[in-house]
């Protein structure tokens, strides 16, 4: 049975690069690209978004292909032109003839059993902001937007390149921590909670501090899907909120 380390070595030896991208165009991982005649080291892309690197028209085209692949669950083969004219920050000077590439886009289906088999646990955090509504009501929505931006900045500074964070709605957020077990996930949640409390302290209104209540869980063998773990984390969040807020509960 091939191990995760062996699989990473195989992927890393590919002459052409293989990218793992999120639905939003975030580079989650980069493998291969060993043929230095055509490719540069792509490791610096991890953690960045296509929209940060490529001009809007071409970036939107790439995002459309990702969405199509995820929706259809079929292998897409696309030819496309990409030059310095498409890359943000580069001068509009380059080869006079277009440079064409062939891309293959496939939805990546990762089963929980694979994580357990290869000793790669995944933990999930759900958190929301305590007293956020009071900020909107007393200081206005501009202050509320600043709170959300502050949360995003804290998450960006605390997460690894392989972690994934998203806004789940309103003032609720979800973080997926690949290759992270229960104990380390709890430690991360407690550190994140402290960083959020510190960063959001300036938004306190009428004695009500803006803090984070966090629910934490780790995927288990009996989980049929990520949704099972997500529901469990959500229940832990509810317990954290009903237990007094500004706390971490592990389920």
Protein backbone atom coordinates (compact mmCIF):
# COMPACT_ATOMS: atom_id res chain seq x y z
CA UNK A 1 0.00 0.00 0.00
CA UNK A 2 1.40 3.35 -1.02
CA UNK A 3 1.93 5.85 1.77
CA UNK A 4 1.21 9.55 1.72
CA UNK A 5 4.93 10.29 1.64
CA UNK A 6 5.43 7.99 -1.35
CA UNK A 7 2.50 9.56 -3.18
CA UNK A 8 3.90 13.04 -2.54
CA UNK A 9 7.25 11.91 -3.96
CA UNK A 10 5.57 10.57 -7.10
CA UNK A 11 3.60 13.78 -7.62
CA UNK A 12 6.65 15.90 -6.91
CA UNK A 13 8.59 14.16 -9.70
CA UNK A 14 6.04 15.05 -12.40
CA UNK A 15 7.60 17.07 -15.24
CA UNK A 16 4.43 19.19 -15.57
CA UNK A 17 2.96 20.97 -12.55
CA UNK A 18 -0.19 19.70 -10.83
CA UNK A 19 -2.16 22.24 -8.84
CA UNK A 20 -4.74 21.62 -6.13
CA UNK A 21 -7.09 24.60 -6.10
CA UNK A 22 -10.11 25.45 -3.99
CA UNK A 23 -13.42 26.49 -5.55
CA UNK A 24 -12.44 30.13 -4.95
CA UNK A 25 -9.16 29.76 -6.81
CA UNK A 26 -6.84 29.39 -3.84
CA UNK A 27 -3.68 27.38 -4.49
CA UNK A 28 -3.85 24.70 -1.80
CA UNK A 29 -0.85 22.68 -3.02
CA UNK A 30 1.52 22.50 -5.97
CA UNK A 31 3.27 19.33 -7.14
CA UNK A 32 5.70 18.61 -9.94
CA UNK A 33 6.84 21.08 -12.57
CA UNK A 34 10.31 19.55 -12.64
CA UNK A 35 10.87 20.40 -16.29
CA UNK A 36 12.72 23.67 -15.69
CA UNK A 37 12.82 24.41 -19.42
CA UNK A 38 9.18 25.46 -19.19
CA UNK A 39 8.28 25.93 -15.53
CA UNK A 40 9.46 27.91 -12.54
CA UNK A 41 9.20 26.76 -8.92
CA UNK A 42 5.50 27.13 -8.07
CA UNK A 43 5.75 26.68 -4.31
CA UNK A 44 5.32 30.42 -3.73
CA UNK A 45 1.80 30.17 -5.17
CA UNK A 46 0.48 28.13 -2.24
CA UNK A 47 -1.89 30.20 -0.15
CA UNK A 48 -2.51 32.77 -2.88
CA UNK A 49 -5.51 33.20 -5.19
CA UNK A 50 -5.70 33.20 -8.97
CA UNK A 51 -7.39 36.62 -8.78
CA UNK A 52 -4.30 38.00 -7.01
CA UNK A 53 -2.03 36.90 -9.84
CA UNK A 54 -4.01 37.03 -13.08
CA UNK A 55 -5.92 39.90 -14.66
CA UNK A 56 -9.69 39.76 -14.11
CA UNK A 57 -10.88 38.45 -17.49
CA UNK A 58 -8.47 35.52 -17.54
CA UNK A 59 -8.83 34.87 -13.78
CA UNK A 60 -12.62 34.64 -14.20
CA UNK A 61 -12.13 32.20 -17.06
CA UNK A 62 -10.04 29.92 -14.84
CA UNK A 63 -12.62 30.14 -12.05
CA UNK A 64 -15.36 29.22 -14.52
CA UNK A 65 -13.41 26.09 -15.52
CA UNK A 66 -12.98 25.09 -11.86
CA UNK A 67 -16.70 25.58 -11.24
CA UNK A 68 -17.58 23.55 -14.35
CA UNK A 69 -15.31 20.70 -13.26
CA UNK A 70 -16.80 20.63 -9.77
CA UNK A 71 -20.34 20.71 -11.11
CA UNK A 72 -19.94 18.14 -13.88
CA UNK A 73 -17.53 15.83 -12.00
CA UNK A 74 -15.95 15.15 -15.39
CA UNK A 75 -12.40 15.61 -16.64
CA UNK A 76 -12.15 18.87 -18.56
CA UNK A 77 -9.42 19.36 -21.15
CA UNK A 78 -8.92 23.01 -22.05
CA UNK A 79 -6.43 24.80 -24.28
CA UNK A 80 -5.68 28.35 -23.27
CA UNK A 81 -3.29 31.18 -23.93
CA UNK A 82 -1.33 32.67 -21.04
CA UNK A 83 1.34 35.32 -21.36
CA UNK A 84 2.88 38.22 -19.49
CA UNK A 85 -0.07 40.34 -20.68
CA UNK A 86 -2.37 38.24 -18.46
CA UNK A 87 -0.22 38.39 -15.31
CA UNK A 88 -0.63 41.24 -12.87
CA UNK A 89 2.48 43.33 -12.29
CA UNK A 90 4.34 42.31 -15.46
CA UNK A 91 5.09 44.68 -18.35
CA UNK A 92 3.17 44.13 -21.59
CA UNK A 93 6.30 42.92 -23.35
CA UNK A 94 7.00 39.37 -24.37
CA UNK A 95 7.00 36.89 -27.26
CA UNK A 96 5.02 38.20 -30.25
CA UNK A 97 3.32 34.85 -30.84
CA UNK A 98 0.77 33.47 -28.34
CA UNK A 99 1.90 30.71 -25.99
CA UNK A 100 -0.70 27.96 -25.62
CA UNK A 101 -1.10 25.46 -22.81
CA UNK A 102 -3.29 22.42 -22.29
CA UNK A 103 -4.90 22.15 -18.88
CA UNK A 104 -6.74 19.19 -17.41
CA UNK A 105 -9.20 20.01 -14.64
CA UNK A 106 -10.71 17.29 -12.47
CA UNK A 107 -12.77 17.53 -9.30
CA UNK A 108 -10.80 16.03 -6.42
CA UNK A 109 -12.96 13.68 -4.35
CA UNK A 110 -11.28 12.91 -1.03
CA UNK A 111 -12.98 10.33 1.18
CA UNK A 112 -12.63 10.43 4.94
CA UNK A 113 -11.58 6.78 4.92
CA UNK A 114 -8.46 7.71 2.98
CA UNK A 115 -7.45 10.20 5.68
CA UNK A 116 -7.92 7.59 8.38
CA UNK A 117 -6.14 4.86 6.42
CA UNK A 118 -3.08 7.00 5.86
CA UNK A 119 -3.06 8.52 9.35
CA UNK A 120 -4.03 11.96 8.05
CA UNK A 121 -6.79 13.18 10.37
CA UNK A 122 -8.72 16.29 9.47
CA UNK A 123 -10.18 18.66 12.04
CA UNK A 124 -12.90 21.23 11.55
CA UNK A 125 -13.56 24.43 13.47
CA UNK A 126 -16.69 26.54 13.40
CA UNK A 127 -16.68 29.88 15.19
CA UNK A 128 -18.78 32.98 15.34
CA UNK A 129 -18.33 36.36 16.95
CA UNK A 130 -19.88 37.13 20.31
CA UNK A 131 -21.71 40.49 20.49
CA UNK A 132 -21.18 41.22 16.81
CA UNK A 133 -24.77 42.38 16.33
CA UNK A 134 -24.27 45.00 19.02
CA UNK A 135 -21.37 46.45 17.03
CA UNK A 136 -23.54 46.78 13.94
CA UNK A 137 -26.39 48.28 15.96
CA UNK A 138 -24.31 50.81 17.92
CA UNK A 139 -21.32 51.59 15.69
CA UNK A 140 -22.74 50.98 12.24
CA UNK A 141 -22.09 48.53 9.44
CA UNK A 142 -18.78 50.13 8.51
CA UNK A 143 -17.45 49.14 11.93
CA UNK A 144 -18.98 45.69 11.40
CA UNK A 145 -17.10 45.36 8.12
CA UNK A 146 -13.89 46.32 9.90
CA UNK A 147 -14.51 43.56 12.43
CA UNK A 148 -14.90 40.97 9.65
CA UNK A 149 -11.74 42.24 7.93
CA UNK A 150 -9.84 41.98 11.22
CA UNK A 151 -11.00 38.39 11.63
CA UNK A 152 -9.80 37.61 8.10
CA UNK A 153 -6.41 39.17 8.85
CA UNK A 154 -6.01 37.13 12.02
CA UNK A 155 -6.95 33.90 10.24
CA UNK A 156 -4.53 34.70 7.42
CA UNK A 157 -1.69 35.15 9.91
CA UNK A 158 -2.46 32.04 11.97
CA UNK A 159 -3.34 29.45 9.31
CA UNK A 160 -0.90 27.28 7.42
CA UNK A 161 -0.85 27.33 3.64
CA UNK A 162 -2.66 23.99 3.56
CA UNK A 163 -5.47 25.11 5.89
CA UNK A 164 -8.71 26.40 4.42
CA UNK A 165 -10.89 29.10 5.96
CA UNK A 166 -14.17 30.48 4.68
CA UNK A 167 -16.91 32.78 5.83
CA UNK A 168 -19.91 30.53 6.45
CA UNK A 169 -22.40 33.36 6.66
CA UNK A 170 -22.74 36.60 8.59
CA UNK A 171 -20.26 36.42 11.45
CA UNK A 172 -19.76 32.65 11.28
CA UNK A 173 -16.59 31.04 9.90
CA UNK A 174 -15.38 27.51 9.13
CA UNK A 175 -11.76 26.34 9.14
CA UNK A 176 -10.54 22.96 7.86
CA UNK A 177 -7.22 21.73 9.27
CA UNK A 178 -5.80 18.84 7.19
CA UNK A 179 -3.39 16.47 8.91
CA UNK A 180 -4.40 17.82 12.33
CA UNK A 181 -5.64 15.63 15.16
CA UNK A 182 -7.97 16.47 18.01
CA UNK A 183 -5.37 17.71 20.51
CA UNK A 184 -3.54 19.97 18.08
CA UNK A 185 -6.85 21.28 16.73
CA UNK A 186 -7.91 22.23 20.25
CA UNK A 187 -4.58 23.96 20.85
CA UNK A 188 -4.92 25.84 17.58
CA UNK A 189 -8.48 26.88 18.45
CA UNK A 190 -7.41 28.22 21.82
CA UNK A 191 -4.54 30.15 20.25
CA UNK A 192 -6.86 31.54 17.57
CA UNK A 193 -9.42 32.52 20.19
CA UNK A 194 -6.77 34.47 22.11
CA UNK A 195 -5.52 36.23 18.99
CA UNK A 196 -9.06 37.19 18.01
CA UNK A 197 -9.83 38.48 21.50
CA UNK A 198 -6.73 40.66 21.39
CA UNK A 199 -7.27 41.94 17.83
CA UNK A 200 -10.97 42.70 18.37
CA UNK A 201 -10.63 44.38 21.76
CA UNK A 202 -10.79 47.85 20.17
CA UNK A 203 -14.34 47.16 18.97
CA UNK A 204 -15.82 46.60 22.43
CA UNK A 205 -19.10 48.47 22.79
CA UNK A 206 -20.80 49.44 26.04
CA UNK A 207 -18.82 46.89 28.01
CA UNK A 208 -19.57 44.05 25.59
CA UNK A 209 -16.34 42.62 24.19
CA UNK A 210 -16.24 41.14 20.69
CA UNK A 211 -14.86 37.62 21.16
CA UNK A 212 -15.09 34.24 19.46
CA UNK A 213 -16.93 31.08 20.48
CA UNK A 214 -15.43 28.04 18.77
CA UNK A 215 -16.63 24.48 18.18
CA UNK A 216 -13.99 21.89 17.30
CA UNK A 217 -14.19 18.33 16.06
CA UNK A 218 -12.04 15.78 14.24
CA UNK A 219 -13.39 13.51 11.54
CA UNK A 220 -14.10 10.01 12.81
CA UNK A 221 -14.28 6.63 11.01
CA UNK A 222 -18.05 6.49 11.46
CA UNK A 223 -18.56 9.83 9.69
CA UNK A 224 -20.16 9.22 6.34
CA UNK A 225 -19.11 12.61 4.98
CA UNK A 226 -17.69 15.99 5.91
CA UNK A 227 -21.24 17.10 6.68
CA UNK A 228 -21.35 14.76 9.69
CA UNK A 229 -18.25 16.38 11.17
CA UNK A 230 -19.53 19.85 10.32
CA UNK A 231 -22.78 19.20 12.20
CA UNK A 232 -20.82 17.94 15.20
CA UNK A 233 -18.65 21.06 15.20
CA UNK A 234 -21.78 23.19 14.94
CA UNK A 235 -23.25 21.49 18.02
CA UNK A 236 -20.00 22.20 19.88
CA UNK A 237 -20.26 25.85 18.84
CA UNK A 238 -23.82 25.99 20.19
CA UNK A 239 -22.58 24.56 23.47
CA UNK A 240 -19.81 27.19 23.60
CA UNK A 241 -22.33 29.97 23.03
CA UNK A 242 -24.88 28.68 25.52
CA UNK A 243 -22.14 28.03 28.10
CA UNK A 244 -21.17 31.69 28.36
CA UNK A 245 -19.43 32.57 25.06
CA UNK A 246 -15.74 33.31 24.49
CA UNK A 247 -14.76 29.69 24.88
CA UNK A 248 -13.67 26.59 22.96
CA UNK A 249 -15.72 23.38 23.08
CA UNK A 250 -14.41 20.13 21.56
CA UNK A 251 -16.86 17.48 20.37
